[in-house]
Amino acid sequence: MFLRIQARLEQSRLEKAFNDRTEIPHIDASDDEDNQQTPEWVEPSLPQWDEFSPTQLEIAAIDLSVQIVAVSDMGIFARKLNHPPSYYPQSVFPGEAGNLLIAGHRGGPAGFFRRLNELKPGDEIILRAPGVDYCYEVEEVFIVEPTQVEVIAPLDYAAITLTTCQRVGKVTSAKRLIVRGIFVQAITAKNE
């Protein structure tokens, strides 16, 4: 019971961080000729996962809305059943070409992925970040052996891969349930 309360408290804290995010930068689209200078190109630097803004995973087909966190050690994640769904350290950022990887528990106090097996091709997965929703569509739902780590390998297209145990409450050597989705679009919030 304590772990379930702890998991819910952590989700509340993460949701507060998500809702209290900083203001979305405003881009001035003025037609003023003085503002028509071409800016000098600066190579953007991507944040590290521990610096990335809070994100929320929403899957309407299974009534899921959960905050996602970053972890540097998936071993710690695997041993803590009260840990919320987490990005794999080698994951790409939302919307990027490659494999956006999120692991979650099906059982235990933080069993947010309990109904992942109910997803079907065509179902929508939304990853919400400050100012933008990244929309993915489920391509396939399948089961692999724990040794089939190729499911988390880099891809040449923008995809999301959700991983969890196949069966709820079974030993850690159980097979893995995988949901793979393809990136559809990013919807940005309008600046006010």
C-alpha atoms as a PDB file:
ATOM      1  CA  MET A   1       0.000   0.000   0.000  1.00  0.00           C
ATOM      2  CA  PHE A   2       2.824   2.409   0.892  1.00  0.00           C
ATOM      3  CA  LEU A   3       4.490   1.920  -2.523  1.00  0.00           C
ATOM      4  CA  ARG A   4       1.207   2.659  -4.315  1.00  0.00           C
ATOM      5  CA  ILE A   5       0.814   5.902  -2.337  1.00  0.00           C
ATOM      6  CA  GLN A   6       4.444   6.772  -3.041  1.00  0.00           C
ATOM      7  CA  ALA A   7       3.917   6.172  -6.787  1.00  0.00           C
ATOM      8  CA  ARG A   8       0.801   8.374  -6.838  1.00  0.00           C
ATOM      9  CA  LEU A   9       2.598  11.135  -4.912  1.00  0.00           C
ATOM     10  CA  GLU A  10       5.451  11.035  -7.437  1.00  0.00           C
ATOM     11  CA  GLN A  11       2.931  11.316 -10.294  1.00  0.00           C
ATOM     12  CA  SER A  12       1.336  14.322  -8.555  1.00  0.00           C
ATOM     13  CA  ARG A  13       4.741  15.980  -8.193  1.00  0.00           C
ATOM     14  CA  LEU A  14       5.560  15.323 -11.866  1.00  0.00           C
ATOM     15  CA  GLU A  15       2.162  16.607 -12.996  1.00  0.00           C
ATOM     16  CA  LYS A  16       2.708  19.809 -11.014  1.00  0.00           C
ATOM     17  CA  ALA A  17       6.106  20.260 -12.702  1.00  0.00           C
ATOM     18  CA  PHE A  18       4.455  19.673 -16.090  1.00  0.00           C
ATOM     19  CA  ASN A  19       1.683  22.198 -15.388  1.00  0.00           C
ATOM     20  CA  ASP A  20       4.075  24.795 -13.907  1.00  0.00           C
ATOM     21  CA  ARG A  21       6.414  24.741 -16.923  1.00  0.00           C
ATOM     22  CA  THR A  22       7.884  27.970 -18.168  1.00  0.00           C
ATOM     23  CA  GLU A  23       6.156  30.204 -20.698  1.00  0.00           C
ATOM     24  CA  ILE A  24       6.456  29.218 -24.349  1.00  0.00           C
ATOM     25  CA  PRO A  25       8.822  31.579 -26.167  1.00  0.00           C
ATOM     26  CA  HIS A  26       7.066  34.071 -28.425  1.00  0.00           C
ATOM     27  CA  ILE A  27       8.398  34.495 -31.971  1.00  0.00           C
ATOM     28  CA  ASP A  28       7.801  37.973 -33.364  1.00  0.00           C
ATOM     29  CA  ALA A  29       6.352  37.632 -36.866  1.00  0.00           C
ATOM     30  CA  SER A  30       6.299  41.377 -37.476  1.00  0.00           C
ATOM     31  CA  ASP A  31       6.289  42.684 -41.065  1.00  0.00           C
ATOM     32  CA  ASP A  32       8.527  45.598 -40.046  1.00  0.00           C
ATOM     33  CA  GLU A  33      11.273  45.928 -42.696  1.00  0.00           C
ATOM     34  CA  ASP A  34      13.839  46.703 -39.996  1.00  0.00           C
ATOM     35  CA  ASN A  35      13.293  43.185 -38.672  1.00  0.00           C
ATOM     36  CA  GLN A  36      13.942  41.502 -42.033  1.00  0.00           C
ATOM     37  CA  GLN A  37      17.612  40.718 -41.330  1.00  0.00           C
ATOM     38  CA  THR A  38      18.644  37.130 -41.794  1.00  0.00           C
ATOM     39  CA  PRO A  39      19.888  35.844 -38.453  1.00  0.00           C
ATOM     40  CA  GLU A  40      23.300  34.203 -38.277  1.00  0.00           C
ATOM     41  CA  TRP A  41      23.050  30.407 -38.134  1.00  0.00           C
ATOM     42  CA  VAL A  42      23.801  28.937 -34.741  1.00  0.00           C
ATOM     43  CA  GLU A  43      24.024  25.174 -34.333  1.00  0.00           C
ATOM     44  CA  PRO A  44      21.329  24.221 -31.826  1.00  0.00           C
ATOM     45  CA  SER A  45      22.384  22.174 -28.840  1.00  0.00           C
ATOM     46  CA  LEU A  46      19.977  19.552 -27.608  1.00  0.00           C
ATOM     47  CA  PRO A  47      19.392  19.267 -23.882  1.00  0.00           C
ATOM     48  CA  GLN A  48      20.425  16.159 -22.024  1.00  0.00           C
ATOM     49  CA  TRP A  49      17.546  13.998 -20.804  1.00  0.00           C
ATOM     50  CA  ASP A  50      17.974  15.233 -17.243  1.00  0.00           C
ATOM     51  CA  GLU A  51      17.493  18.802 -18.546  1.00  0.00           C
ATOM     52  CA  PHE A  52      14.504  17.961 -20.759  1.00  0.00           C
ATOM     53  CA  SER A  53      11.154  19.535 -19.968  1.00  0.00           C
ATOM     54  CA  PRO A  54       8.531  17.425 -18.221  1.00  0.00           C
ATOM     55  CA  THR A  55       6.513  15.314 -20.636  1.00  0.00           C
ATOM     56  CA  GLN A  56       3.205  13.535 -20.387  1.00  0.00           C
ATOM     57  CA  LEU A  57       2.195  10.365 -22.227  1.00  0.00           C
ATOM     58  CA  GLU A  58      -1.454  10.147 -23.261  1.00  0.00           C
ATOM     59  CA  ILE A  59      -3.124   7.153 -24.886  1.00  0.00           C
ATOM     60  CA  ALA A  60      -6.891   7.674 -25.099  1.00  0.00           C
ATOM     61  CA  ALA A  61      -7.593   4.090 -26.247  1.00  0.00           C
ATOM     62  CA  ILE A  62      -6.578   2.793 -22.803  1.00  0.00           C
ATOM     63  CA  ASP A  63      -7.415   5.884 -20.717  1.00  0.00           C
ATOM     64  CA  LEU A  64      -3.750   6.519 -19.904  1.00  0.00           C
ATOM     65  CA  SER A  65      -2.321   9.878 -18.910  1.00  0.00           C
ATOM     66  CA  VAL A  66       1.003   9.661 -17.082  1.00  0.00           C
ATOM     67  CA  GLN A  67       4.101  11.776 -16.531  1.00  0.00           C
ATOM     68  CA  ILE A  68       7.342  10.432 -18.022  1.00  0.00           C
ATOM     69  CA  VAL A  69      10.747  10.858 -16.392  1.00  0.00           C
ATOM     70  CA  ALA A  70      14.339  10.255 -17.461  1.00  0.00           C
ATOM     71  CA  VAL A  71      16.598   7.749 -15.734  1.00  0.00           C
ATOM     72  CA  SER A  72      20.299   7.170 -16.163  1.00  0.00           C
ATOM     73  CA  ASP A  73      20.221   3.546 -14.950  1.00  0.00           C
ATOM     74  CA  MET A  74      17.506   1.225 -16.271  1.00  0.00           C
ATOM     75  CA  GLY A  75      18.570  -1.371 -13.679  1.00  0.00           C
ATOM     76  CA  ILE A  76      17.318   0.891 -10.914  1.00  0.00           C
ATOM     77  CA  PHE A  77      14.065   1.414 -12.843  1.00  0.00           C
ATOM     78  CA  ALA A  78      13.568  -2.354 -13.210  1.00  0.00           C
ATOM     79  CA  ARG A  79      13.950  -2.949  -9.467  1.00  0.00           C
ATOM     80  CA  LYS A  80      11.610  -0.167  -8.311  1.00  0.00           C
ATOM     81  CA  LEU A  81       7.989  -1.060  -8.969  1.00  0.00           C
ATOM     82  CA  ASN A  82       6.881   2.370  -7.751  1.00  0.00           C
ATOM     83  CA  HIS A  83       8.913   4.140 -10.469  1.00  0.00           C
ATOM     84  CA  PRO A  84       6.920   6.000 -13.150  1.00  0.00           C
ATOM     85  CA  PRO A  85       7.406   5.243 -16.858  1.00  0.00           C
ATOM     86  CA  SER A  86      10.861   6.368 -17.968  1.00  0.00           C
ATOM     87  CA  TYR A  87      12.816   7.256 -21.074  1.00  0.00           C
ATOM     88  CA  TYR A  88      15.689   4.901 -21.823  1.00  0.00           C
ATOM     89  CA  PRO A  89      19.021   6.774 -21.573  1.00  0.00           C
ATOM     90  CA  GLN A  90      19.778   6.094 -25.282  1.00  0.00           C
ATOM     91  CA  SER A  91      16.378   7.345 -26.472  1.00  0.00           C
ATOM     92  CA  VAL A  92      16.053  10.062 -29.099  1.00  0.00           C
ATOM     93  CA  PHE A  93      14.018  13.161 -28.324  1.00  0.00           C
ATOM     94  CA  PRO A  94      10.328  13.350 -29.332  1.00  0.00           C
ATOM     95  CA  GLY A  95       9.770  13.886 -33.054  1.00  0.00           C
ATOM     96  CA  GLU A  96      13.368  13.049 -34.013  1.00  0.00           C
ATOM     97  CA  ALA A  97      14.341  10.303 -36.437  1.00  0.00           C
ATOM     98  CA  GLY A  98      15.316   7.269 -34.405  1.00  0.00           C
ATOM     99  CA  ASN A  99      13.771   5.302 -31.577  1.00  0.00           C
ATOM    100  CA  LEU A 100      12.018   7.186 -28.754  1.00  0.00           C
ATOM    101  CA  LEU A 101      12.079   4.578 -25.982  1.00  0.00           C
ATOM    102  CA  ILE A 102       9.845   4.489 -22.916  1.00  0.00           C
ATOM    103  CA  ALA A 103       9.733   1.657 -20.366  1.00  0.00           C
ATOM    104  CA  GLY A 104       6.905   1.223 -17.897  1.00  0.00           C
ATOM    105  CA  HIS A 105       5.636  -1.310 -15.388  1.00  0.00           C
ATOM    106  CA  ARG A 106       2.418  -3.313 -15.858  1.00  0.00           C
ATOM    107  CA  GLY A 107       2.221  -4.546 -12.286  1.00  0.00           C
ATOM    108  CA  GLY A 108       3.000  -3.087  -8.913  1.00  0.00           C
ATOM    109  CA  PRO A 109       2.080   0.317  -7.551  1.00  0.00           C
ATOM    110  CA  ALA A 110       3.215   2.132 -10.706  1.00  0.00           C
ATOM    111  CA  GLY A 111       1.604  -0.296 -13.160  1.00  0.00           C
ATOM    112  CA  PHE A 112       0.649   2.466 -15.574  1.00  0.00           C
ATOM    113  CA  PHE A 113       1.279   0.213 -18.617  1.00  0.00           C
ATOM    114  CA  ARG A 114      -1.149  -2.449 -17.304  1.00  0.00           C
ATOM    115  CA  ARG A 115      -3.465  -2.118 -20.349  1.00  0.00           C
ATOM    116  CA  LEU A 116      -0.790  -1.657 -23.032  1.00  0.00           C
ATOM    117  CA  ASN A 117      -1.697  -5.070 -24.497  1.00  0.00           C
ATOM    118  CA  GLU A 118      -5.107  -3.642 -25.519  1.00  0.00           C
ATOM    119  CA  LEU A 119      -3.595  -1.255 -28.083  1.00  0.00           C
ATOM    120  CA  LYS A 120      -4.155  -1.897 -31.785  1.00  0.00           C
ATOM    121  CA  PRO A 121      -2.595  -0.556 -34.994  1.00  0.00           C
ATOM    122  CA  GLY A 122      -3.987   2.902 -35.687  1.00  0.00           C
ATOM    123  CA  ASP A 123      -4.401   3.896 -32.024  1.00  0.00           C
ATOM    124  CA  GLU A 124      -2.973   7.322 -31.190  1.00  0.00           C
ATOM    125  CA  ILE A 125      -0.113   7.952 -28.768  1.00  0.00           C
ATOM    126  CA  ILE A 126       0.497  11.568 -27.756  1.00  0.00           C
ATOM    127  CA  LEU A 127       3.591  12.785 -25.983  1.00  0.00           C
ATOM    128  CA  ARG A 128       2.955  16.263 -24.564  1.00  0.00           C
ATOM    129  CA  ALA A 129       5.847  18.631 -23.901  1.00  0.00           C
ATOM    130  CA  PRO A 130       5.676  22.351 -23.139  1.00  0.00           C
ATOM    131  CA  GLY A 131       4.224  24.028 -26.232  1.00  0.00           C
ATOM    132  CA  VAL A 132       4.036  20.963 -28.452  1.00  0.00           C
ATOM    133  CA  ASP A 133       2.200  17.645 -28.772  1.00  0.00           C
ATOM    134  CA  TYR A 134       4.089  14.866 -30.562  1.00  0.00           C
ATOM    135  CA  CYS A 135       1.574  12.529 -32.199  1.00  0.00           C
ATOM    136  CA  TYR A 136       2.382   8.910 -33.012  1.00  0.00           C
ATOM    137  CA  GLU A 137       0.244   6.131 -34.465  1.00  0.00           C
ATOM    138  CA  VAL A 138       0.558   2.531 -33.274  1.00  0.00           C
ATOM    139  CA  GLU A 139       2.067   0.370 -36.026  1.00  0.00           C
ATOM    140  CA  GLU A 140       2.264  -2.936 -34.200  1.00  0.00           C
ATOM    141  CA  VAL A 141       1.972  -4.635 -30.829  1.00  0.00           C
ATOM    142  CA  PHE A 142       4.145  -7.712 -30.356  1.00  0.00           C
ATOM    143  CA  ILE A 143       5.937  -9.905 -27.830  1.00  0.00           C
ATOM    144  CA  VAL A 144       9.680 -10.595 -27.670  1.00  0.00           C
ATOM    145  CA  GLU A 145      12.094 -12.534 -25.499  1.00  0.00           C
ATOM    146  CA  PRO A 146      14.062 -10.452 -22.964  1.00  0.00           C
ATOM    147  CA  THR A 147      17.187 -11.121 -25.044  1.00  0.00           C
ATOM    148  CA  GLN A 148      15.718  -9.525 -28.188  1.00  0.00           C
ATOM    149  CA  VAL A 149      17.217  -6.104 -27.514  1.00  0.00           C
ATOM    150  CA  GLU A 150      17.014  -5.122 -31.182  1.00  0.00           C
ATOM    151  CA  VAL A 151      13.585  -3.612 -30.409  1.00  0.00           C
ATOM    152  CA  ILE A 152      15.409  -0.730 -28.701  1.00  0.00           C
ATOM    153  CA  ALA A 153      17.982  -0.305 -31.482  1.00  0.00           C
ATOM    154  CA  PRO A 154      18.146   2.987 -33.434  1.00  0.00           C
ATOM    155  CA  LEU A 155      15.735   3.278 -36.376  1.00  0.00           C
ATOM    156  CA  ASP A 156      15.979   5.280 -39.603  1.00  0.00           C
ATOM    157  CA  TYR A 157      12.568   6.890 -39.082  1.00  0.00           C
ATOM    158  CA  ALA A 158      10.887   8.693 -36.172  1.00  0.00           C
ATOM    159  CA  ALA A 159       9.280   6.055 -33.967  1.00  0.00           C
ATOM    160  CA  ILE A 160       8.156   5.502 -30.401  1.00  0.00           C
ATOM    161  CA  THR A 161       8.678   2.166 -28.670  1.00  0.00           C
ATOM    162  CA  LEU A 162       6.908   1.379 -25.405  1.00  0.00           C
ATOM    163  CA  THR A 163       8.296  -1.612 -23.504  1.00  0.00           C
ATOM    164  CA  THR A 164       6.920  -3.543 -20.536  1.00  0.00           C
ATOM    165  CA  CYS A 165       6.581  -7.095 -19.206  1.00  0.00           C
ATOM    166  CA  GLN A 166       4.214  -9.342 -21.124  1.00  0.00           C
ATOM    167  CA  ARG A 167       2.336 -10.631 -18.093  1.00  0.00           C
ATOM    168  CA  VAL A 168       1.358  -8.719 -14.984  1.00  0.00           C
ATOM    169  CA  GLY A 169       2.979  -9.868 -11.742  1.00  0.00           C
ATOM    170  CA  LYS A 170       5.228 -12.555 -13.231  1.00  0.00           C
ATOM    171  CA  VAL A 171       8.967 -13.099 -12.902  1.00  0.00           C
ATOM    172  CA  THR A 172      11.410 -10.656 -14.492  1.00  0.00           C
ATOM    173  CA  SER A 173      12.539 -13.236 -17.062  1.00  0.00           C
ATOM    174  CA  ALA A 174       9.076 -13.150 -18.643  1.00  0.00           C
ATOM    175  CA  LYS A 175       8.690 -12.061 -22.233  1.00  0.00           C
ATOM    176  CA  ARG A 176       8.362  -8.384 -23.104  1.00  0.00           C
ATOM    177  CA  LEU A 177       5.354  -6.630 -24.594  1.00  0.00           C
ATOM    178  CA  ILE A 178       6.336  -4.039 -27.204  1.00  0.00           C
ATOM    179  CA  VAL A 179       4.223  -1.288 -28.751  1.00  0.00           C
ATOM    180  CA  ARG A 180       5.815   0.426 -31.761  1.00  0.00           C
ATOM    181  CA  GLY A 181       4.385   3.608 -33.218  1.00  0.00           C
ATOM    182  CA  ILE A 182       5.360   5.886 -36.081  1.00  0.00           C
ATOM    183  CA  PHE A 183       5.621   9.666 -35.766  1.00  0.00           C
ATOM    184  CA  VAL A 184       2.718  11.437 -37.496  1.00  0.00           C
ATOM    185  CA  GLN A 185       3.028  15.127 -36.623  1.00  0.00           C
ATOM    186  CA  ALA A 186       3.956  17.733 -34.055  1.00  0.00           C
ATOM    187  CA  ILE A 187       1.234  20.179 -33.103  1.00  0.00           C
ATOM    188  CA  THR A 188       2.551  23.382 -31.582  1.00  0.00           C
ATOM    189  CA  ALA A 189       0.613  25.560 -29.185  1.00  0.00           C
ATOM    190  CA  LYS A 190      -0.155  29.027 -30.465  1.00  0.00           C
ATOM    191  CA  ASN A 191       1.702  31.797 -28.678  1.00  0.00           C
ATOM    192  CA  GLU A 192      -0.622  34.159 -26.890  1.00  0.00           C
END
